[in-house]
């Protein structure tokens, strides 16, 4: 990440991808600093919250079978044993195996917001944020969106931020690999860092700077 500045000029494009000036963004509107520790905590939380935690193994008490002692205690010359459900035997129970559990963690809202602001500010500092006047899609058009992203110079994965849920834009991006459309109110640090580029509408950027995410 590059050294932070007090203000940034983000490139602004029109709805058809042509240059339309710049948009000024103050670092103070995004927290004024990039807190790597806060980002780390948030990304870790979002990562573990994706774990299902449904892995399950059977103990010797849960394995089907007889509890009969396999052979008598003395006189055979072999080591003493119990039932065939012991972990020592094939098809026996599992010793200290995983059981269903909840891996989820929680962070308070202030920490989550700080992590999001830090992640967005890091993207701004690295020049990986673009702003467009609007993304008006009266009907789903994947080809049109792909052409627009190409004209904007988007390469690789991109998180498209809108002011509100846009079904037509979502359907247009559904078959484009690495492209995801989300209203800024649903953004989090994990989603921001997961994508190489950020593309926001002008109104979505204003909402993000006002803390509506």
N, C-alpha and C. Protein backbone atom coordinates (compact mmCIF):
# COMPACT_ATOMS: atom_id res chain seq x y z
N UNK A 1 0.84 -1.19 0.00
CA UNK A 1 0.00 0.00 0.00
C UNK A 1 0.88 1.25 0.00
N UNK A 2 0.46 2.23 -0.79
CA UNK A 2 1.22 3.47 -0.89
C UNK A 2 0.97 4.36 0.33
N UNK A 3 1.83 5.37 0.47
CA UNK A 3 1.69 6.31 1.58
C UNK A 3 0.40 7.10 1.43
N UNK A 4 -0.30 7.31 2.54
CA UNK A 4 -1.60 7.98 2.49
C UNK A 4 -1.44 9.48 2.25
N UNK A 5 -2.42 10.02 1.54
CA UNK A 5 -2.50 11.45 1.31
C UNK A 5 -3.76 11.99 1.98
N UNK A 6 -3.84 13.31 2.13
CA UNK A 6 -5.03 13.90 2.77
C UNK A 6 -6.23 13.86 1.85
N UNK A 7 -6.00 13.98 0.53
CA UNK A 7 -7.09 13.97 -0.44
C UNK A 7 -6.68 13.16 -1.66
N UNK A 8 -7.70 12.60 -2.33
CA UNK A 8 -7.47 11.82 -3.54
C UNK A 8 -8.44 12.28 -4.62
N UNK A 9 -7.97 12.23 -5.86
CA UNK A 9 -8.81 12.53 -7.01
C UNK A 9 -9.10 11.22 -7.74
N UNK A 10 -10.34 10.73 -7.61
CA UNK A 10 -10.72 9.49 -8.25
C UNK A 10 -11.22 9.76 -9.66
N UNK A 11 -10.81 8.95 -10.63
CA UNK A 11 -11.29 9.17 -12.01
C UNK A 11 -12.79 8.92 -12.12
N UNK A 12 -13.48 9.85 -12.76
CA UNK A 12 -14.92 9.75 -12.96
C UNK A 12 -15.20 9.47 -14.42
N UNK A 13 -16.07 8.50 -14.66
CA UNK A 13 -16.47 8.16 -16.02
C UNK A 13 -17.96 8.35 -16.19
N UNK A 14 -18.36 8.62 -17.42
CA UNK A 14 -19.77 8.74 -17.73
C UNK A 14 -20.39 7.35 -17.82
N UNK A 15 -21.71 7.30 -18.03
CA UNK A 15 -22.41 6.02 -18.08
C UNK A 15 -21.95 5.16 -19.26
N UNK A 16 -21.38 5.79 -20.31
CA UNK A 16 -20.88 5.01 -21.45
C UNK A 16 -19.38 4.78 -21.40
N UNK A 17 -18.74 5.11 -20.26
CA UNK A 17 -17.33 4.79 -20.05
C UNK A 17 -16.36 5.87 -20.45
N UNK A 18 -16.84 7.06 -20.87
CA UNK A 18 -15.94 8.12 -21.29
C UNK A 18 -15.50 8.97 -20.09
N UNK A 19 -14.29 9.52 -20.11
CA UNK A 19 -13.82 10.36 -19.00
C UNK A 19 -14.75 11.55 -18.76
N UNK A 20 -15.04 11.81 -17.48
CA UNK A 20 -15.95 12.90 -17.12
C UNK A 20 -15.41 13.69 -15.95
N UNK A 21 -14.09 13.75 -15.81
CA UNK A 21 -13.50 14.52 -14.72
C UNK A 21 -13.04 13.63 -13.58
N UNK A 22 -13.05 14.21 -12.38
CA UNK A 22 -12.61 13.48 -11.19
C UNK A 22 -13.57 13.75 -10.04
N UNK A 23 -13.45 12.93 -9.02
CA UNK A 23 -14.22 13.08 -7.79
C UNK A 23 -13.23 13.15 -6.65
N UNK A 24 -13.36 14.15 -5.82
CA UNK A 24 -12.43 14.32 -4.70
C UNK A 24 -12.91 13.55 -3.48
N UNK A 25 -12.01 12.79 -2.91
CA UNK A 25 -12.31 12.00 -1.71
C UNK A 25 -11.29 12.34 -0.64
N UNK A 26 -11.77 12.70 0.54
CA UNK A 26 -10.89 13.02 1.66
C UNK A 26 -10.58 11.76 2.47
N UNK A 27 -9.35 11.61 2.87
CA UNK A 27 -8.97 10.45 3.67
C UNK A 27 -9.71 10.44 5.01
N UNK A 28 -9.99 11.61 5.53
CA UNK A 28 -10.69 11.69 6.82
C UNK A 28 -12.11 11.11 6.73
N UNK A 29 -12.71 11.16 5.54
CA UNK A 29 -14.05 10.59 5.36
C UNK A 29 -14.03 9.08 5.45
N UNK A 30 -12.85 8.48 5.30
CA UNK A 30 -12.69 7.02 5.39
C UNK A 30 -11.85 6.63 6.60
N UNK A 31 -11.89 7.44 7.62
CA UNK A 31 -11.20 7.11 8.85
C UNK A 31 -9.83 7.71 9.00
N UNK A 32 -9.23 8.16 7.91
CA UNK A 32 -7.93 8.83 7.98
C UNK A 32 -6.73 7.92 8.13
N UNK A 33 -6.94 6.63 8.32
CA UNK A 33 -5.83 5.70 8.46
C UNK A 33 -6.25 4.30 8.01
N UNK A 34 -5.27 3.50 7.71
CA UNK A 34 -5.51 2.10 7.36
C UNK A 34 -5.04 1.24 8.52
N UNK A 35 -5.99 0.69 9.26
CA UNK A 35 -5.67 -0.14 10.42
C UNK A 35 -5.57 -1.60 9.98
N UNK A 36 -4.35 -2.08 9.81
CA UNK A 36 -4.14 -3.45 9.34
C UNK A 36 -4.63 -4.47 10.36
N UNK A 37 -4.48 -4.17 11.64
CA UNK A 37 -4.93 -5.11 12.67
C UNK A 37 -6.45 -5.24 12.65
N UNK A 38 -7.16 -4.14 12.47
CA UNK A 38 -8.62 -4.19 12.40
C UNK A 38 -9.07 -4.96 11.17
N UNK A 39 -8.39 -4.74 10.05
CA UNK A 39 -8.70 -5.49 8.83
C UNK A 39 -8.47 -6.97 9.05
N UNK A 40 -7.36 -7.31 9.69
CA UNK A 40 -7.05 -8.73 9.94
C UNK A 40 -8.14 -9.38 10.78
N UNK A 41 -8.57 -8.70 11.83
CA UNK A 41 -9.60 -9.25 12.71
C UNK A 41 -10.91 -9.44 11.95
N UNK A 42 -11.26 -8.46 11.12
CA UNK A 42 -12.52 -8.55 10.38
C UNK A 42 -12.48 -9.67 9.34
N UNK A 43 -11.38 -9.75 8.60
CA UNK A 43 -11.27 -10.80 7.58
C UNK A 43 -11.29 -12.18 8.22
N UNK A 44 -10.62 -12.31 9.38
CA UNK A 44 -10.64 -13.59 10.09
C UNK A 44 -12.06 -13.94 10.53
N UNK A 45 -12.80 -12.96 11.02
CA UNK A 45 -14.17 -13.21 11.46
C UNK A 45 -15.04 -13.66 10.29
N UNK A 46 -14.97 -12.92 9.16
CA UNK A 46 -15.79 -13.30 8.01
C UNK A 46 -15.39 -14.66 7.46
N UNK A 47 -14.10 -15.00 7.56
CA UNK A 47 -13.65 -16.30 7.09
C UNK A 47 -14.18 -17.44 7.93
N UNK A 48 -14.06 -17.34 9.25
CA UNK A 48 -14.52 -18.43 10.11
C UNK A 48 -16.04 -18.53 10.13
N UNK A 49 -16.73 -17.41 9.88
CA UNK A 49 -18.18 -17.45 9.84
C UNK A 49 -18.71 -18.18 8.62
N UNK A 50 -17.85 -18.42 7.64
CA UNK A 50 -18.25 -19.19 6.47
C UNK A 50 -18.14 -20.70 6.70
N UNK A 51 -17.49 -21.09 7.79
CA UNK A 51 -17.33 -22.51 8.08
C UNK A 51 -18.66 -23.11 8.54
N UNK A 52 -18.99 -24.25 7.98
CA UNK A 52 -20.25 -24.90 8.34
C UNK A 52 -20.15 -25.58 9.69
N UNK A 53 -19.02 -26.19 9.96
CA UNK A 53 -18.82 -26.86 11.24
C UNK A 53 -19.66 -28.11 11.40
N UNK A 54 -19.91 -28.83 10.29
CA UNK A 54 -20.77 -30.02 10.34
C UNK A 54 -19.98 -31.33 10.36
N UNK A 55 -18.65 -31.26 10.41
CA UNK A 55 -17.85 -32.48 10.44
C UNK A 55 -18.18 -33.29 11.70
N UNK A 56 -18.36 -34.58 11.51
CA UNK A 56 -18.77 -35.41 12.65
C UNK A 56 -18.19 -36.81 12.51
N UNK A 57 -17.59 -37.32 13.56
CA UNK A 57 -17.10 -38.69 13.61
C UNK A 57 -17.74 -39.41 14.78
N UNK A 58 -17.75 -40.73 14.72
CA UNK A 58 -18.38 -41.52 15.77
C UNK A 58 -17.34 -41.98 16.80
N UNK A 59 -17.70 -41.86 18.03
CA UNK A 59 -16.86 -42.40 19.10
C UNK A 59 -17.14 -43.88 19.23
N UNK A 60 -16.40 -44.57 20.10
CA UNK A 60 -16.61 -46.00 20.29
C UNK A 60 -18.00 -46.30 20.86
N UNK A 61 -18.60 -45.32 21.52
CA UNK A 61 -19.94 -45.51 22.05
C UNK A 61 -21.01 -45.41 20.98
N UNK A 62 -20.68 -44.80 19.82
CA UNK A 62 -21.67 -44.58 18.76
C UNK A 62 -21.52 -45.56 17.61
N UNK A 63 -20.40 -46.28 17.53
CA UNK A 63 -20.19 -47.23 16.44
C UNK A 63 -21.09 -48.45 16.63
N UNK A 64 -21.70 -48.88 15.52
CA UNK A 64 -22.56 -50.07 15.58
C UNK A 64 -21.71 -51.32 15.77
N UNK A 65 -22.18 -52.23 16.58
CA UNK A 65 -21.47 -53.48 16.80
C UNK A 65 -21.64 -53.98 18.23
N UNK A 66 -21.05 -55.14 18.46
CA UNK A 66 -21.17 -55.77 19.77
C UNK A 66 -20.12 -55.23 20.75
N UNK A 67 -20.48 -55.25 22.00
CA UNK A 67 -19.54 -54.86 23.05
C UNK A 67 -18.80 -56.06 23.62
N UNK A 68 -18.94 -57.21 22.97
CA UNK A 68 -18.33 -58.43 23.47
C UNK A 68 -16.81 -58.31 23.46
N UNK A 69 -16.20 -58.85 24.48
CA UNK A 69 -14.74 -58.90 24.55
C UNK A 69 -14.25 -59.88 23.49
N UNK A 70 -13.24 -59.45 22.69
CA UNK A 70 -12.85 -60.24 21.52
C UNK A 70 -12.25 -61.59 21.90
N UNK A 71 -11.46 -61.64 22.90
CA UNK A 71 -10.96 -62.92 23.43
C UNK A 71 -10.71 -62.78 24.92
N UNK A 72 -10.53 -63.93 25.55
CA UNK A 72 -10.42 -63.92 27.01
C UNK A 72 -9.19 -63.14 27.45
N UNK A 73 -9.20 -62.74 28.71
CA UNK A 73 -8.16 -61.85 29.24
C UNK A 73 -6.80 -62.53 29.30
N UNK A 74 -6.76 -63.79 29.68
CA UNK A 74 -5.48 -64.48 29.89
C UNK A 74 -5.44 -65.80 29.14
N UNK A 75 -4.25 -66.27 28.90
CA UNK A 75 -4.07 -67.60 28.36
C UNK A 75 -3.92 -67.68 26.86
N UNK A 76 -4.10 -66.59 26.13
CA UNK A 76 -3.98 -66.67 24.67
C UNK A 76 -2.61 -66.26 24.16
N UNK A 77 -1.82 -65.58 24.98
CA UNK A 77 -0.51 -65.10 24.55
C UNK A 77 -0.58 -63.76 23.83
N UNK A 78 -1.79 -63.28 23.63
CA UNK A 78 -1.94 -61.97 22.97
C UNK A 78 -2.25 -60.89 23.99
N UNK A 79 -2.11 -59.65 23.52
CA UNK A 79 -2.39 -58.53 24.40
C UNK A 79 -3.87 -58.51 24.76
N UNK A 80 -4.17 -58.03 25.97
CA UNK A 80 -5.56 -57.96 26.39
C UNK A 80 -6.30 -56.88 25.58
N UNK A 81 -7.52 -57.14 25.22
CA UNK A 81 -8.34 -56.20 24.43
C UNK A 81 -9.74 -56.15 25.01
N UNK A 82 -10.46 -55.12 24.56
CA UNK A 82 -11.87 -55.01 24.93
C UNK A 82 -12.72 -55.34 23.71
N UNK A 83 -13.66 -54.46 23.37
CA UNK A 83 -14.55 -54.73 22.24
C UNK A 83 -13.89 -54.31 20.92
N UNK A 84 -14.51 -54.74 19.84
CA UNK A 84 -14.01 -54.39 18.51
C UNK A 84 -14.33 -52.97 18.11
N UNK A 85 -15.01 -52.23 18.98
CA UNK A 85 -15.32 -50.82 18.67
C UNK A 85 -14.25 -49.88 19.18
N UNK A 86 -13.18 -50.44 19.73
CA UNK A 86 -12.07 -49.62 20.22
C UNK A 86 -11.41 -48.89 19.05
N UNK A 87 -10.87 -47.68 19.26
CA UNK A 87 -10.19 -46.94 18.19
C UNK A 87 -9.01 -47.69 17.57
N UNK A 88 -8.50 -48.72 18.23
CA UNK A 88 -7.36 -49.46 17.70
C UNK A 88 -7.74 -50.31 16.50
N UNK A 89 -9.01 -50.62 16.34
CA UNK A 89 -9.45 -51.57 15.33
C UNK A 89 -10.03 -50.86 14.11
N UNK A 90 -9.89 -51.51 12.97
CA UNK A 90 -10.54 -51.04 11.74
C UNK A 90 -12.05 -51.03 11.96
N UNK A 91 -12.70 -49.98 11.52
CA UNK A 91 -14.12 -49.77 11.69
C UNK A 91 -14.50 -49.49 13.15
N UNK A 92 -13.48 -49.23 13.96
CA UNK A 92 -13.76 -48.86 15.34
C UNK A 92 -14.08 -47.38 15.45
N UNK A 93 -14.30 -46.92 16.67
CA UNK A 93 -14.61 -45.51 16.88
C UNK A 93 -13.40 -44.62 16.68
N UNK A 94 -13.64 -43.35 16.54
CA UNK A 94 -12.58 -42.37 16.36
C UNK A 94 -12.27 -41.71 17.70
N UNK A 95 -10.98 -41.63 17.97
CA UNK A 95 -10.55 -41.04 19.23
C UNK A 95 -10.29 -39.54 19.04
N UNK A 96 -10.96 -38.70 19.79
CA UNK A 96 -10.80 -37.24 19.71
C UNK A 96 -11.10 -36.70 18.32
N UNK A 97 -12.08 -37.29 17.64
CA UNK A 97 -12.46 -36.82 16.30
C UNK A 97 -13.31 -35.57 16.36
N UNK A 98 -13.52 -34.91 15.21
CA UNK A 98 -14.33 -33.68 15.18
C UNK A 98 -15.81 -33.96 15.42
N UNK A 99 -16.45 -33.02 16.05
CA UNK A 99 -17.88 -33.06 16.29
C UNK A 99 -18.49 -31.75 15.79
N UNK A 100 -19.78 -31.73 15.45
CA UNK A 100 -20.39 -30.48 15.00
C UNK A 100 -20.21 -29.37 16.03
N UNK A 101 -19.79 -28.21 15.54
CA UNK A 101 -19.55 -27.08 16.43
C UNK A 101 -19.76 -25.77 15.68
N UNK A 102 -19.92 -24.73 16.42
CA UNK A 102 -20.12 -23.40 15.85
C UNK A 102 -18.80 -22.64 15.89
N UNK A 103 -18.27 -22.30 14.71
CA UNK A 103 -16.99 -21.59 14.61
C UNK A 103 -17.17 -20.07 14.57
N UNK A 104 -18.40 -19.60 14.55
CA UNK A 104 -18.64 -18.18 14.30
C UNK A 104 -18.08 -17.30 15.39
N UNK A 105 -17.67 -16.11 14.98
CA UNK A 105 -17.17 -15.08 15.89
C UNK A 105 -17.93 -13.79 15.64
N UNK A 106 -17.81 -12.86 16.56
CA UNK A 106 -18.51 -11.59 16.43
C UNK A 106 -17.54 -10.43 16.66
N UNK A 107 -17.79 -9.35 15.94
CA UNK A 107 -17.11 -8.09 16.16
C UNK A 107 -18.18 -7.01 16.26
N UNK A 108 -17.98 -6.03 17.11
CA UNK A 108 -19.00 -5.00 17.21
C UNK A 108 -19.03 -4.14 15.95
N UNK A 109 -20.10 -3.39 15.80
CA UNK A 109 -20.34 -2.65 14.57
C UNK A 109 -19.25 -1.62 14.30
N UNK A 110 -18.75 -0.97 15.33
CA UNK A 110 -17.73 0.05 15.13
C UNK A 110 -16.45 -0.55 14.54
N UNK A 111 -16.08 -1.73 14.99
CA UNK A 111 -14.87 -2.38 14.47
C UNK A 111 -15.08 -2.80 13.02
N UNK A 112 -16.26 -3.33 12.71
CA UNK A 112 -16.55 -3.74 11.33
C UNK A 112 -16.53 -2.55 10.38
N UNK A 113 -17.08 -1.44 10.83
CA UNK A 113 -17.09 -0.24 9.99
C UNK A 113 -15.68 0.31 9.80
N UNK A 114 -14.88 0.27 10.85
CA UNK A 114 -13.50 0.74 10.73
C UNK A 114 -12.71 -0.14 9.77
N UNK A 115 -12.95 -1.45 9.83
CA UNK A 115 -12.26 -2.36 8.92
C UNK A 115 -12.65 -2.09 7.47
N UNK A 116 -13.95 -1.83 7.24
CA UNK A 116 -14.40 -1.52 5.89
C UNK A 116 -13.79 -0.22 5.39
N UNK A 117 -13.80 0.82 6.22
CA UNK A 117 -13.22 2.10 5.83
C UNK A 117 -11.73 1.96 5.53
N UNK A 118 -11.03 1.18 6.34
CA UNK A 118 -9.59 0.97 6.12
C UNK A 118 -9.34 0.24 4.81
N UNK A 119 -10.17 -0.76 4.52
CA UNK A 119 -10.01 -1.53 3.29
C UNK A 119 -10.27 -0.66 2.06
N UNK A 120 -11.32 0.15 2.11
CA UNK A 120 -11.63 1.03 0.98
C UNK A 120 -10.54 2.08 0.81
N UNK A 121 -10.06 2.67 1.92
CA UNK A 121 -9.00 3.67 1.84
C UNK A 121 -7.72 3.08 1.25
N UNK A 122 -7.43 1.83 1.59
CA UNK A 122 -6.25 1.18 1.02
C UNK A 122 -6.40 1.02 -0.49
N UNK A 123 -7.61 0.69 -0.94
CA UNK A 123 -7.86 0.57 -2.38
C UNK A 123 -7.74 1.92 -3.07
N UNK A 124 -8.25 2.95 -2.42
CA UNK A 124 -8.15 4.31 -2.98
C UNK A 124 -6.69 4.72 -3.10
N UNK A 125 -5.91 4.45 -2.08
CA UNK A 125 -4.49 4.82 -2.09
C UNK A 125 -3.72 4.09 -3.18
N UNK A 126 -4.14 2.88 -3.48
CA UNK A 126 -3.46 2.08 -4.50
C UNK A 126 -3.99 2.34 -5.90
N UNK A 127 -4.95 3.25 -6.04
CA UNK A 127 -5.49 3.57 -7.37
C UNK A 127 -6.35 2.48 -7.96
N UNK A 128 -7.05 1.75 -7.12
CA UNK A 128 -7.86 0.62 -7.59
C UNK A 128 -9.36 0.88 -7.44
N UNK A 129 -9.75 2.17 -7.49
CA UNK A 129 -11.15 2.55 -7.37
C UNK A 129 -11.54 3.42 -8.56
N UNK A 130 -12.67 3.09 -9.19
CA UNK A 130 -13.23 3.87 -10.28
C UNK A 130 -14.64 4.30 -9.93
N UNK A 131 -15.04 5.46 -10.44
CA UNK A 131 -16.38 5.98 -10.17
C UNK A 131 -17.06 6.27 -11.51
N UNK A 132 -18.33 5.88 -11.63
CA UNK A 132 -19.13 6.16 -12.82
C UNK A 132 -20.35 6.98 -12.41
N UNK A 133 -20.84 7.77 -13.34
CA UNK A 133 -22.02 8.59 -13.06
C UNK A 133 -23.23 7.73 -12.71
N UNK A 134 -23.36 6.62 -13.41
CA UNK A 134 -24.49 5.74 -13.15
C UNK A 134 -24.37 4.47 -13.96
N UNK A 135 -25.10 3.44 -13.55
CA UNK A 135 -25.14 2.17 -14.27
C UNK A 135 -26.61 1.84 -14.50
N UNK A 136 -27.15 2.40 -15.58
CA UNK A 136 -28.58 2.22 -15.87
C UNK A 136 -28.77 1.05 -16.82
N UNK A 137 -29.38 -0.02 -16.32
CA UNK A 137 -29.65 -1.20 -17.12
C UNK A 137 -31.16 -1.49 -17.08
N UNK A 138 -31.91 -1.02 -18.09
CA UNK A 138 -33.35 -1.28 -18.10
C UNK A 138 -33.69 -2.76 -18.16
N UNK A 139 -32.77 -3.55 -18.74
CA UNK A 139 -32.94 -5.00 -18.82
C UNK A 139 -31.57 -5.65 -18.70
N UNK A 140 -31.52 -6.92 -18.32
CA UNK A 140 -30.22 -7.59 -18.18
C UNK A 140 -29.48 -7.68 -19.52
N UNK A 141 -28.25 -7.18 -19.55
CA UNK A 141 -27.42 -7.21 -20.75
C UNK A 141 -25.98 -7.51 -20.37
N UNK A 142 -25.63 -8.77 -20.36
CA UNK A 142 -24.28 -9.17 -19.97
C UNK A 142 -23.23 -8.62 -20.94
N UNK A 143 -23.54 -8.67 -22.23
CA UNK A 143 -22.59 -8.19 -23.22
C UNK A 143 -22.30 -6.70 -23.06
N UNK A 144 -23.34 -5.94 -22.75
CA UNK A 144 -23.16 -4.50 -22.57
C UNK A 144 -22.30 -4.20 -21.35
N UNK A 145 -22.55 -4.92 -20.26
CA UNK A 145 -21.75 -4.70 -19.05
C UNK A 145 -20.31 -5.11 -19.27
N UNK A 146 -20.08 -6.22 -19.97
CA UNK A 146 -18.71 -6.67 -20.25
C UNK A 146 -17.97 -5.64 -21.09
N UNK A 147 -18.65 -5.06 -22.07
CA UNK A 147 -18.03 -4.03 -22.91
C UNK A 147 -17.71 -2.78 -22.10
N UNK A 148 -18.64 -2.41 -21.20
CA UNK A 148 -18.41 -1.23 -20.36
C UNK A 148 -17.22 -1.42 -19.44
N UNK A 149 -17.11 -2.58 -18.81
CA UNK A 149 -15.98 -2.86 -17.93
C UNK A 149 -14.67 -2.83 -18.70
N UNK A 150 -14.71 -3.32 -19.93
CA UNK A 150 -13.50 -3.29 -20.77
C UNK A 150 -13.10 -1.87 -21.09
N UNK A 151 -14.09 -1.02 -21.42
CA UNK A 151 -13.80 0.39 -21.72
C UNK A 151 -13.27 1.13 -20.50
N UNK A 152 -13.71 0.71 -19.32
CA UNK A 152 -13.26 1.36 -18.08
C UNK A 152 -11.86 0.89 -17.67
N UNK A 153 -11.37 -0.14 -18.34
CA UNK A 153 -10.05 -0.65 -18.01
C UNK A 153 -10.03 -1.61 -16.85
N UNK A 154 -11.17 -2.22 -16.54
CA UNK A 154 -11.25 -3.18 -15.44
C UNK A 154 -10.65 -4.49 -15.89
N UNK A 155 -9.66 -4.94 -15.19
CA UNK A 155 -9.02 -6.22 -15.48
C UNK A 155 -9.03 -7.07 -14.22
N UNK A 156 -9.41 -8.30 -14.35
CA UNK A 156 -9.47 -9.18 -13.18
C UNK A 156 -10.79 -9.00 -12.44
N UNK A 157 -10.79 -9.35 -11.16
CA UNK A 157 -12.01 -9.30 -10.36
C UNK A 157 -12.38 -7.86 -10.02
N UNK A 158 -13.68 -7.64 -9.86
CA UNK A 158 -14.15 -6.29 -9.59
C UNK A 158 -15.42 -6.36 -8.75
N UNK A 159 -15.48 -5.52 -7.73
CA UNK A 159 -16.67 -5.39 -6.90
C UNK A 159 -17.39 -4.12 -7.32
N UNK A 160 -18.61 -4.30 -7.82
CA UNK A 160 -19.41 -3.17 -8.30
C UNK A 160 -20.35 -2.72 -7.19
N UNK A 161 -20.23 -1.47 -6.78
CA UNK A 161 -21.06 -0.94 -5.71
C UNK A 161 -22.17 -0.06 -6.23
N UNK A 162 -23.39 -0.32 -5.80
CA UNK A 162 -24.55 0.46 -6.22
C UNK A 162 -25.20 1.10 -4.99
N UNK A 163 -26.07 2.06 -5.25
CA UNK A 163 -26.76 2.74 -4.16
C UNK A 163 -27.78 1.81 -3.49
N UNK A 164 -28.44 0.99 -4.29
CA UNK A 164 -29.43 0.05 -3.79
C UNK A 164 -29.41 -1.21 -4.65
N UNK A 165 -30.20 -2.18 -4.31
CA UNK A 165 -30.23 -3.43 -5.06
C UNK A 165 -30.74 -3.17 -6.47
N UNK A 166 -29.99 -3.63 -7.47
CA UNK A 166 -30.36 -3.47 -8.87
C UNK A 166 -30.43 -4.85 -9.52
N UNK A 167 -31.63 -5.44 -9.64
CA UNK A 167 -31.76 -6.80 -10.17
C UNK A 167 -31.21 -6.95 -11.58
N UNK A 168 -31.46 -5.98 -12.46
CA UNK A 168 -30.99 -6.09 -13.84
C UNK A 168 -29.47 -6.05 -13.92
N UNK A 169 -28.84 -5.19 -13.14
CA UNK A 169 -27.38 -5.14 -13.12
C UNK A 169 -26.80 -6.42 -12.53
N UNK A 170 -27.46 -6.94 -11.51
CA UNK A 170 -27.01 -8.20 -10.91
C UNK A 170 -27.08 -9.33 -11.92
N UNK A 171 -28.17 -9.42 -12.68
CA UNK A 171 -28.30 -10.48 -13.68
C UNK A 171 -27.30 -10.29 -14.82
N UNK A 172 -26.99 -9.04 -15.13
CA UNK A 172 -26.01 -8.77 -16.20
C UNK A 172 -24.62 -9.24 -15.82
N UNK A 173 -24.30 -9.20 -14.52
CA UNK A 173 -22.95 -9.56 -14.06
C UNK A 173 -22.84 -11.01 -13.62
N UNK A 174 -23.96 -11.71 -13.59
CA UNK A 174 -23.97 -13.04 -13.00
C UNK A 174 -23.05 -14.02 -13.72
N UNK A 175 -22.94 -13.91 -15.03
CA UNK A 175 -22.12 -14.84 -15.80
C UNK A 175 -20.73 -14.31 -16.12
N UNK A 176 -20.36 -13.17 -15.54
CA UNK A 176 -19.02 -12.62 -15.75
C UNK A 176 -18.12 -13.08 -14.61
N UNK A 177 -17.08 -13.85 -14.90
CA UNK A 177 -16.21 -14.36 -13.83
C UNK A 177 -15.49 -13.24 -13.09
N UNK A 178 -15.53 -13.30 -11.75
CA UNK A 178 -14.81 -12.33 -10.93
C UNK A 178 -15.55 -11.03 -10.72
N UNK A 179 -16.75 -10.87 -11.29
CA UNK A 179 -17.50 -9.63 -11.15
C UNK A 179 -18.67 -9.87 -10.19
N UNK A 180 -18.79 -9.03 -9.17
CA UNK A 180 -19.90 -9.14 -8.23
C UNK A 180 -20.52 -7.77 -7.98
N UNK A 181 -21.84 -7.75 -7.98
CA UNK A 181 -22.58 -6.51 -7.76
C UNK A 181 -23.22 -6.55 -6.37
N UNK A 182 -22.93 -5.52 -5.57
CA UNK A 182 -23.49 -5.43 -4.23
C UNK A 182 -23.80 -3.97 -3.91
N UNK A 183 -24.93 -3.70 -3.28
CA UNK A 183 -25.14 -2.34 -2.77
C UNK A 183 -24.13 -2.06 -1.67
N UNK A 184 -23.70 -0.81 -1.55
CA UNK A 184 -22.65 -0.49 -0.58
C UNK A 184 -23.10 -0.77 0.85
N UNK A 185 -24.40 -0.85 1.08
CA UNK A 185 -24.88 -1.17 2.42
C UNK A 185 -24.55 -2.61 2.81
N UNK A 186 -24.21 -3.45 1.83
CA UNK A 186 -23.85 -4.85 2.09
C UNK A 186 -22.35 -5.09 2.00
N UNK A 187 -21.57 -4.04 1.83
CA UNK A 187 -20.13 -4.21 1.72
C UNK A 187 -19.51 -4.55 3.07
N UNK A 188 -18.41 -5.27 3.02
CA UNK A 188 -17.60 -5.51 4.21
C UNK A 188 -16.14 -5.60 3.78
N UNK A 189 -15.25 -5.61 4.75
CA UNK A 189 -13.82 -5.60 4.45
C UNK A 189 -13.39 -6.83 3.66
N UNK A 190 -14.01 -7.97 3.95
CA UNK A 190 -13.65 -9.20 3.25
C UNK A 190 -13.95 -9.10 1.76
N UNK A 191 -15.16 -8.60 1.41
CA UNK A 191 -15.55 -8.48 0.01
C UNK A 191 -14.68 -7.46 -0.71
N UNK A 192 -14.35 -6.36 -0.05
CA UNK A 192 -13.54 -5.33 -0.68
C UNK A 192 -12.15 -5.86 -1.02
N UNK A 193 -11.52 -6.54 -0.08
CA UNK A 193 -10.16 -7.04 -0.29
C UNK A 193 -10.11 -8.26 -1.21
N UNK A 194 -11.24 -8.92 -1.33
CA UNK A 194 -11.31 -10.12 -2.16
C UNK A 194 -11.20 -9.78 -3.64
N UNK A 195 -11.60 -8.56 -4.02
CA UNK A 195 -11.59 -8.14 -5.42
C UNK A 195 -10.46 -7.16 -5.70
N UNK A 196 -9.96 -7.23 -6.91
CA UNK A 196 -8.82 -6.37 -7.27
C UNK A 196 -9.25 -4.92 -7.46
N UNK A 197 -10.41 -4.70 -8.08
CA UNK A 197 -10.88 -3.36 -8.38
C UNK A 197 -12.21 -3.08 -7.70
N UNK A 198 -12.47 -1.79 -7.45
CA UNK A 198 -13.76 -1.34 -6.95
C UNK A 198 -14.35 -0.37 -7.96
N UNK A 199 -15.60 -0.60 -8.32
CA UNK A 199 -16.31 0.29 -9.24
C UNK A 199 -17.60 0.74 -8.56
N UNK A 200 -17.72 2.03 -8.34
CA UNK A 200 -18.88 2.57 -7.64
C UNK A 200 -19.60 3.60 -8.49
N UNK A 201 -20.91 3.65 -8.35
CA UNK A 201 -21.65 4.76 -8.92
C UNK A 201 -21.41 5.98 -8.03
N UNK A 202 -21.67 7.14 -8.58
CA UNK A 202 -21.39 8.37 -7.82
C UNK A 202 -22.24 8.43 -6.54
N UNK A 203 -23.53 8.05 -6.64
CA UNK A 203 -24.40 8.07 -5.48
C UNK A 203 -23.98 7.02 -4.45
N UNK A 204 -23.50 5.88 -4.93
CA UNK A 204 -23.03 4.84 -4.01
C UNK A 204 -21.80 5.31 -3.25
N UNK A 205 -20.91 6.03 -3.93
CA UNK A 205 -19.72 6.56 -3.26
C UNK A 205 -20.11 7.58 -2.20
N UNK A 206 -21.07 8.43 -2.53
CA UNK A 206 -21.53 9.42 -1.55
C UNK A 206 -22.12 8.74 -0.31
N UNK A 207 -22.89 7.67 -0.53
CA UNK A 207 -23.45 6.93 0.59
C UNK A 207 -22.38 6.25 1.42
N UNK A 208 -21.33 5.74 0.75
CA UNK A 208 -20.23 5.09 1.46
C UNK A 208 -19.48 6.08 2.31
N UNK A 209 -19.25 7.28 1.80
CA UNK A 209 -18.52 8.30 2.55
C UNK A 209 -19.34 8.85 3.73
N UNK A 210 -20.66 8.76 3.62
CA UNK A 210 -21.52 9.21 4.71
C UNK A 210 -21.69 8.16 5.80
N UNK A 211 -21.09 6.99 5.58
CA UNK A 211 -21.18 5.94 6.59
C UNK A 211 -22.44 5.13 6.51
N UNK A 212 -23.05 5.07 5.31
CA UNK A 212 -24.30 4.31 5.16
C UNK A 212 -24.03 2.84 4.86
N UNK A 213 -22.75 2.47 4.68
CA UNK A 213 -22.42 1.07 4.42
C UNK A 213 -22.43 0.27 5.71
